[in-house]
Amino acid sequence: MEGVPIPKKPSAALIWIGISAIIVGFFLAVGSIRFTGWFVPTNLDRVYLICGVSLLVGGVPIVWHDILREKHLNAIEPDRRKKKWKLWQVTLVQMAVMLVIWILSLFYNSLTK
């Protein structure tokens, strides 16, 4: 382990940059909704695009902070840490939950029609 430099601890600024990008994108998306005379939204494709881009742009610094933090913690305490879930495992569980909710909603919609 000698000769290998210990990575710097990442600052929390990366997380705040990501959160602020998501919040600003949300407000831009809500502000870009146009309505007809009967309060029917007309340009939802643009809103969905703005929300998706803001989540992507805001998620990159948050994930980058998590990667840097894991490198820093692994360099300091390689064997004494508890086993934590990796980011891909959490993402896989979230996708499985969303798939189950989608299947249940399809089943419910087919029963109500």
N, C-alpha and C. Protein backbone atom coordinates (compact mmCIF):
# COMPACT_ATOMS: atom_id res chain seq x y z
N MET A 1 0.83 -1.19 0.00
CA MET A 1 0.00 0.00 0.00
C MET A 1 0.87 1.25 0.00
N GLU A 2 2.14 1.07 0.17
CA GLU A 2 3.02 2.22 0.16
C GLU A 2 3.18 2.71 -1.28
N GLY A 3 3.23 3.99 -1.44
CA GLY A 3 3.38 4.57 -2.76
C GLY A 3 2.07 4.88 -3.45
N VAL A 4 0.97 4.31 -2.96
CA VAL A 4 -0.34 4.59 -3.56
C VAL A 4 -0.95 5.77 -2.80
N PRO A 5 -1.19 6.87 -3.48
CA PRO A 5 -1.75 8.03 -2.76
C PRO A 5 -3.20 7.79 -2.36
N ILE A 6 -3.55 8.31 -1.21
CA ILE A 6 -4.93 8.20 -0.72
C ILE A 6 -5.76 9.28 -1.42
N PRO A 7 -6.87 8.91 -2.03
CA PRO A 7 -7.71 9.91 -2.70
C PRO A 7 -8.29 10.90 -1.70
N LYS A 8 -8.47 12.13 -2.16
CA LYS A 8 -9.05 13.15 -1.30
C LYS A 8 -10.51 12.83 -1.01
N LYS A 9 -10.97 13.26 0.16
CA LYS A 9 -12.37 13.09 0.50
C LYS A 9 -13.17 14.10 -0.32
N PRO A 10 -14.22 13.66 -1.04
CA PRO A 10 -14.98 14.59 -1.88
C PRO A 10 -15.82 15.54 -1.03
N SER A 11 -15.97 16.74 -1.53
CA SER A 11 -16.78 17.71 -0.80
C SER A 11 -18.26 17.49 -1.10
N ALA A 12 -19.09 18.04 -0.25
CA ALA A 12 -20.54 17.89 -0.44
C ALA A 12 -21.07 18.82 -1.52
N ALA A 13 -20.20 19.63 -2.11
CA ALA A 13 -20.64 20.56 -3.16
C ALA A 13 -21.18 19.81 -4.37
N LEU A 14 -20.63 18.63 -4.67
CA LEU A 14 -21.13 17.86 -5.80
C LEU A 14 -22.60 17.46 -5.59
N ILE A 15 -22.93 17.05 -4.38
CA ILE A 15 -24.32 16.67 -4.11
C ILE A 15 -25.23 17.88 -4.24
N TRP A 16 -24.80 19.02 -3.71
CA TRP A 16 -25.64 20.22 -3.78
C TRP A 16 -25.80 20.73 -5.20
N ILE A 17 -24.78 20.57 -6.02
CA ILE A 17 -24.89 20.94 -7.43
C ILE A 17 -25.93 20.05 -8.11
N GLY A 18 -25.89 18.76 -7.84
CA GLY A 18 -26.86 17.84 -8.43
C GLY A 18 -28.27 18.12 -7.98
N ILE A 19 -28.46 18.35 -6.68
CA ILE A 19 -29.80 18.63 -6.16
C ILE A 19 -30.34 19.93 -6.73
N SER A 20 -29.49 20.95 -6.80
CA SER A 20 -29.96 22.24 -7.34
C SER A 20 -30.29 22.13 -8.83
N ALA A 21 -29.56 21.31 -9.58
CA ALA A 21 -29.88 21.12 -11.00
C ALA A 21 -31.24 20.44 -11.15
N ILE A 22 -31.53 19.47 -10.30
CA ILE A 22 -32.82 18.79 -10.37
C ILE A 22 -33.95 19.74 -10.00
N ILE A 23 -33.76 20.55 -8.96
CA ILE A 23 -34.81 21.49 -8.53
C ILE A 23 -35.05 22.56 -9.58
N VAL A 24 -33.98 23.12 -10.15
CA VAL A 24 -34.14 24.14 -11.19
C VAL A 24 -34.82 23.55 -12.42
N GLY A 25 -34.47 22.33 -12.78
CA GLY A 25 -35.12 21.68 -13.92
C GLY A 25 -36.59 21.45 -13.68
N PHE A 26 -36.95 21.09 -12.45
CA PHE A 26 -38.36 20.89 -12.11
C PHE A 26 -39.14 22.20 -12.27
N PHE A 27 -38.59 23.29 -11.74
CA PHE A 27 -39.30 24.57 -11.85
C PHE A 27 -39.36 25.06 -13.30
N LEU A 28 -38.32 24.80 -14.09
CA LEU A 28 -38.38 25.15 -15.52
C LEU A 28 -39.44 24.34 -16.23
N ALA A 29 -39.56 23.07 -15.88
CA ALA A 29 -40.55 22.22 -16.52
C ALA A 29 -41.96 22.67 -16.15
N VAL A 30 -42.19 22.96 -14.89
CA VAL A 30 -43.52 23.41 -14.46
C VAL A 30 -43.86 24.76 -15.10
N GLY A 31 -42.87 25.61 -15.22
CA GLY A 31 -43.10 26.92 -15.83
C GLY A 31 -43.35 26.86 -17.32
N SER A 32 -42.94 25.78 -17.97
CA SER A 32 -43.12 25.70 -19.43
C SER A 32 -44.43 25.04 -19.83
N ILE A 33 -45.24 24.64 -18.88
CA ILE A 33 -46.54 24.03 -19.20
C ILE A 33 -47.49 25.11 -19.69
N ARG A 34 -48.08 24.90 -20.82
CA ARG A 34 -49.07 25.83 -21.37
C ARG A 34 -50.44 25.17 -21.31
N PHE A 35 -51.46 25.97 -21.10
CA PHE A 35 -52.81 25.44 -20.97
C PHE A 35 -53.71 26.04 -22.04
N THR A 36 -54.74 25.27 -22.40
CA THR A 36 -55.78 25.79 -23.26
C THR A 36 -56.80 26.50 -22.37
N GLY A 37 -57.91 26.92 -22.92
CA GLY A 37 -58.92 27.60 -22.13
C GLY A 37 -59.57 26.73 -21.07
N TRP A 38 -59.47 25.42 -21.23
CA TRP A 38 -60.10 24.50 -20.28
C TRP A 38 -59.08 23.86 -19.35
N PHE A 39 -57.95 24.48 -19.15
CA PHE A 39 -56.88 24.01 -18.28
C PHE A 39 -56.37 22.62 -18.67
N VAL A 40 -56.27 22.42 -19.97
CA VAL A 40 -55.71 21.17 -20.49
C VAL A 40 -54.28 21.47 -20.92
N PRO A 41 -53.29 20.76 -20.38
CA PRO A 41 -51.91 21.02 -20.77
C PRO A 41 -51.67 20.64 -22.23
N THR A 42 -50.87 21.46 -22.93
CA THR A 42 -50.70 21.26 -24.36
C THR A 42 -49.32 20.76 -24.76
N ASN A 43 -48.27 21.09 -24.05
CA ASN A 43 -46.92 20.73 -24.50
C ASN A 43 -46.22 19.85 -23.47
N LEU A 44 -46.77 18.69 -23.20
CA LEU A 44 -46.19 17.82 -22.19
C LEU A 44 -44.91 17.14 -22.65
N ASP A 45 -44.71 16.97 -23.95
CA ASP A 45 -43.47 16.35 -24.43
C ASP A 45 -42.26 17.18 -24.03
N ARG A 46 -42.39 18.50 -24.14
CA ARG A 46 -41.30 19.38 -23.74
C ARG A 46 -41.05 19.30 -22.24
N VAL A 47 -42.12 19.20 -21.45
CA VAL A 47 -42.00 19.10 -20.00
C VAL A 47 -41.29 17.80 -19.62
N TYR A 48 -41.68 16.70 -20.25
CA TYR A 48 -41.04 15.42 -19.97
C TYR A 48 -39.55 15.46 -20.33
N LEU A 49 -39.24 16.10 -21.44
CA LEU A 49 -37.84 16.22 -21.85
C LEU A 49 -37.04 17.04 -20.84
N ILE A 50 -37.59 18.16 -20.39
CA ILE A 50 -36.88 19.01 -19.42
C ILE A 50 -36.68 18.26 -18.11
N CYS A 51 -37.70 17.54 -17.65
CA CYS A 51 -37.57 16.77 -16.40
C CYS A 51 -36.52 15.67 -16.54
N GLY A 52 -36.55 14.97 -17.65
CA GLY A 52 -35.57 13.90 -17.86
C GLY A 52 -34.15 14.40 -17.93
N VAL A 53 -33.95 15.51 -18.65
CA VAL A 53 -32.61 16.07 -18.77
C VAL A 53 -32.12 16.59 -17.43
N SER A 54 -33.01 17.23 -16.66
CA SER A 54 -32.57 17.75 -15.36
C SER A 54 -32.24 16.62 -14.40
N LEU A 55 -32.98 15.50 -14.47
CA LEU A 55 -32.63 14.36 -13.63
C LEU A 55 -31.29 13.76 -14.03
N LEU A 56 -31.03 13.70 -15.34
CA LEU A 56 -29.75 13.18 -15.81
C LEU A 56 -28.60 14.10 -15.42
N VAL A 57 -28.77 15.40 -15.66
CA VAL A 57 -27.71 16.36 -15.35
C VAL A 57 -27.48 16.44 -13.84
N GLY A 58 -28.55 16.37 -13.06
CA GLY A 58 -28.39 16.42 -11.61
C GLY A 58 -27.91 15.12 -11.02
N GLY A 59 -28.19 14.01 -11.67
CA GLY A 59 -27.78 12.71 -11.15
C GLY A 59 -26.30 12.42 -11.35
N VAL A 60 -25.71 12.98 -12.38
CA VAL A 60 -24.30 12.71 -12.67
C VAL A 60 -23.39 13.18 -11.53
N PRO A 61 -23.51 14.42 -11.01
CA PRO A 61 -22.63 14.81 -9.90
C PRO A 61 -22.89 14.01 -8.62
N ILE A 62 -24.13 13.60 -8.40
CA ILE A 62 -24.44 12.82 -7.21
C ILE A 62 -23.79 11.44 -7.29
N VAL A 63 -23.88 10.80 -8.45
CA VAL A 63 -23.24 9.49 -8.63
C VAL A 63 -21.72 9.62 -8.58
N TRP A 64 -21.20 10.71 -9.16
CA TRP A 64 -19.75 10.93 -9.14
C TRP A 64 -19.25 11.11 -7.70
N HIS A 65 -20.02 11.84 -6.87
CA HIS A 65 -19.67 12.00 -5.46
C HIS A 65 -19.66 10.64 -4.76
N ASP A 66 -20.63 9.80 -5.06
CA ASP A 66 -20.69 8.48 -4.43
C ASP A 66 -19.49 7.63 -4.83
N ILE A 67 -19.08 7.69 -6.09
CA ILE A 67 -17.92 6.93 -6.55
C ILE A 67 -16.65 7.42 -5.86
N LEU A 68 -16.47 8.74 -5.78
CA LEU A 68 -15.28 9.29 -5.12
C LEU A 68 -15.26 8.97 -3.63
N ARG A 69 -16.42 8.98 -3.00
CA ARG A 69 -16.50 8.67 -1.57
C ARG A 69 -16.14 7.20 -1.32
N GLU A 70 -16.60 6.30 -2.19
CA GLU A 70 -16.26 4.90 -2.05
C GLU A 70 -14.76 4.67 -2.24
N LYS A 71 -14.14 5.36 -3.20
CA LYS A 71 -12.70 5.23 -3.39
C LYS A 71 -11.95 5.71 -2.15
N HIS A 72 -12.40 6.84 -1.59
CA HIS A 72 -11.75 7.39 -0.40
C HIS A 72 -11.88 6.44 0.78
N LEU A 73 -13.09 5.92 1.01
CA LEU A 73 -13.30 5.03 2.16
C LEU A 73 -12.59 3.70 1.99
N ASN A 74 -12.51 3.20 0.78
CA ASN A 74 -11.80 1.94 0.54
C ASN A 74 -10.29 2.10 0.73
N ALA A 75 -9.76 3.29 0.46
CA ALA A 75 -8.34 3.52 0.65
C ALA A 75 -8.00 3.64 2.13
N ILE A 76 -8.92 4.18 2.92
CA ILE A 76 -8.66 4.36 4.34
C ILE A 76 -8.90 3.08 5.12
N GLU A 77 -10.07 2.47 4.93
CA GLU A 77 -10.44 1.27 5.68
C GLU A 77 -10.86 0.17 4.70
N PRO A 78 -9.92 -0.55 4.15
CA PRO A 78 -10.31 -1.53 3.13
C PRO A 78 -11.10 -2.73 3.66
N ASP A 79 -10.82 -3.19 4.89
CA ASP A 79 -11.44 -4.43 5.36
C ASP A 79 -12.36 -4.25 6.55
N ARG A 80 -12.36 -3.09 7.19
CA ARG A 80 -13.13 -2.93 8.42
C ARG A 80 -14.53 -2.39 8.19
N ARG A 81 -14.91 -2.14 6.97
CA ARG A 81 -16.23 -1.58 6.68
C ARG A 81 -17.26 -2.67 6.54
N LYS A 82 -18.51 -2.32 6.88
CA LYS A 82 -19.61 -3.26 6.67
C LYS A 82 -19.89 -3.38 5.18
N LYS A 83 -20.47 -4.50 4.81
CA LYS A 83 -20.85 -4.70 3.41
C LYS A 83 -22.04 -3.81 3.09
N LYS A 84 -21.88 -2.92 2.12
CA LYS A 84 -22.96 -2.02 1.71
C LYS A 84 -23.41 -2.39 0.30
N TRP A 85 -24.62 -2.00 0.00
CA TRP A 85 -25.14 -2.24 -1.34
C TRP A 85 -24.43 -1.36 -2.33
N LYS A 86 -24.15 -1.91 -3.47
CA LYS A 86 -23.55 -1.12 -4.55
C LYS A 86 -24.66 -0.36 -5.28
N LEU A 87 -24.25 0.62 -6.05
CA LEU A 87 -25.21 1.46 -6.76
C LEU A 87 -26.01 0.66 -7.78
N TRP A 88 -25.37 -0.29 -8.47
CA TRP A 88 -26.10 -1.07 -9.47
C TRP A 88 -27.11 -1.98 -8.81
N GLN A 89 -26.84 -2.44 -7.57
CA GLN A 89 -27.80 -3.30 -6.88
C GLN A 89 -29.04 -2.51 -6.47
N VAL A 90 -28.83 -1.29 -5.99
CA VAL A 90 -29.96 -0.44 -5.62
C VAL A 90 -30.80 -0.10 -6.85
N THR A 91 -30.13 0.21 -7.96
CA THR A 91 -30.84 0.52 -9.20
C THR A 91 -31.65 -0.68 -9.68
N LEU A 92 -31.08 -1.87 -9.58
CA LEU A 92 -31.78 -3.08 -10.00
C LEU A 92 -33.02 -3.33 -9.14
N VAL A 93 -32.92 -3.11 -7.83
CA VAL A 93 -34.07 -3.28 -6.95
C VAL A 93 -35.16 -2.26 -7.28
N GLN A 94 -34.76 -1.00 -7.53
CA GLN A 94 -35.74 0.03 -7.89
C GLN A 94 -36.44 -0.31 -9.20
N MET A 95 -35.70 -0.82 -10.18
CA MET A 95 -36.31 -1.19 -11.45
C MET A 95 -37.27 -2.35 -11.27
N ALA A 96 -36.94 -3.31 -10.40
CA ALA A 96 -37.83 -4.44 -10.15
C ALA A 96 -39.12 -3.99 -9.48
N VAL A 97 -39.01 -3.06 -8.54
CA VAL A 97 -40.21 -2.54 -7.87
C VAL A 97 -41.09 -1.79 -8.86
N MET A 98 -40.49 -0.98 -9.73
CA MET A 98 -41.27 -0.25 -10.72
C MET A 98 -41.94 -1.20 -11.71
N LEU A 99 -41.26 -2.29 -12.08
CA LEU A 99 -41.85 -3.27 -12.98
C LEU A 99 -43.05 -3.96 -12.34
N VAL A 100 -42.95 -4.30 -11.05
CA VAL A 100 -44.07 -4.92 -10.35
C VAL A 100 -45.25 -3.95 -10.26
N ILE A 101 -44.98 -2.67 -9.96
CA ILE A 101 -46.05 -1.68 -9.90
C ILE A 101 -46.70 -1.52 -11.27
N TRP A 102 -45.91 -1.52 -12.33
CA TRP A 102 -46.46 -1.38 -13.68
C TRP A 102 -47.34 -2.58 -14.03
N ILE A 103 -46.89 -3.79 -13.70
CA ILE A 103 -47.69 -4.98 -13.99
C ILE A 103 -48.99 -4.96 -13.20
N LEU A 104 -48.92 -4.57 -11.93
CA LEU A 104 -50.14 -4.50 -11.12
C LEU A 104 -51.10 -3.44 -11.65
N SER A 105 -50.57 -2.31 -12.12
CA SER A 105 -51.46 -1.28 -12.66
C SER A 105 -52.11 -1.75 -13.96
N LEU A 106 -51.38 -2.50 -14.80
CA LEU A 106 -51.98 -3.05 -16.01
C LEU A 106 -53.08 -4.05 -15.66
N PHE A 107 -52.83 -4.86 -14.67
CA PHE A 107 -53.83 -5.83 -14.22
C PHE A 107 -55.07 -5.12 -13.68
N TYR A 108 -54.85 -4.08 -12.89
CA TYR A 108 -55.98 -3.33 -12.33
C TYR A 108 -56.77 -2.63 -13.42
N ASN A 109 -56.09 -2.05 -14.41
CA ASN A 109 -56.78 -1.37 -15.51
C ASN A 109 -57.58 -2.35 -16.36
N SER A 110 -57.06 -3.56 -16.54
CA SER A 110 -57.81 -4.54 -17.32
C SER A 110 -59.05 -5.01 -16.58
N LEU A 111 -59.03 -5.01 -15.25
CA LEU A 111 -60.21 -5.41 -14.48
C LEU A 111 -61.27 -4.33 -14.45
N THR A 112 -60.86 -3.07 -14.50
CA THR A 112 -61.83 -1.98 -14.38
C THR A 112 -62.47 -1.61 -15.71
N LYS A 113 -61.95 -2.07 -16.83
CA LYS A 113 -62.54 -1.71 -18.12
C LYS A 113 -63.60 -2.69 -18.54
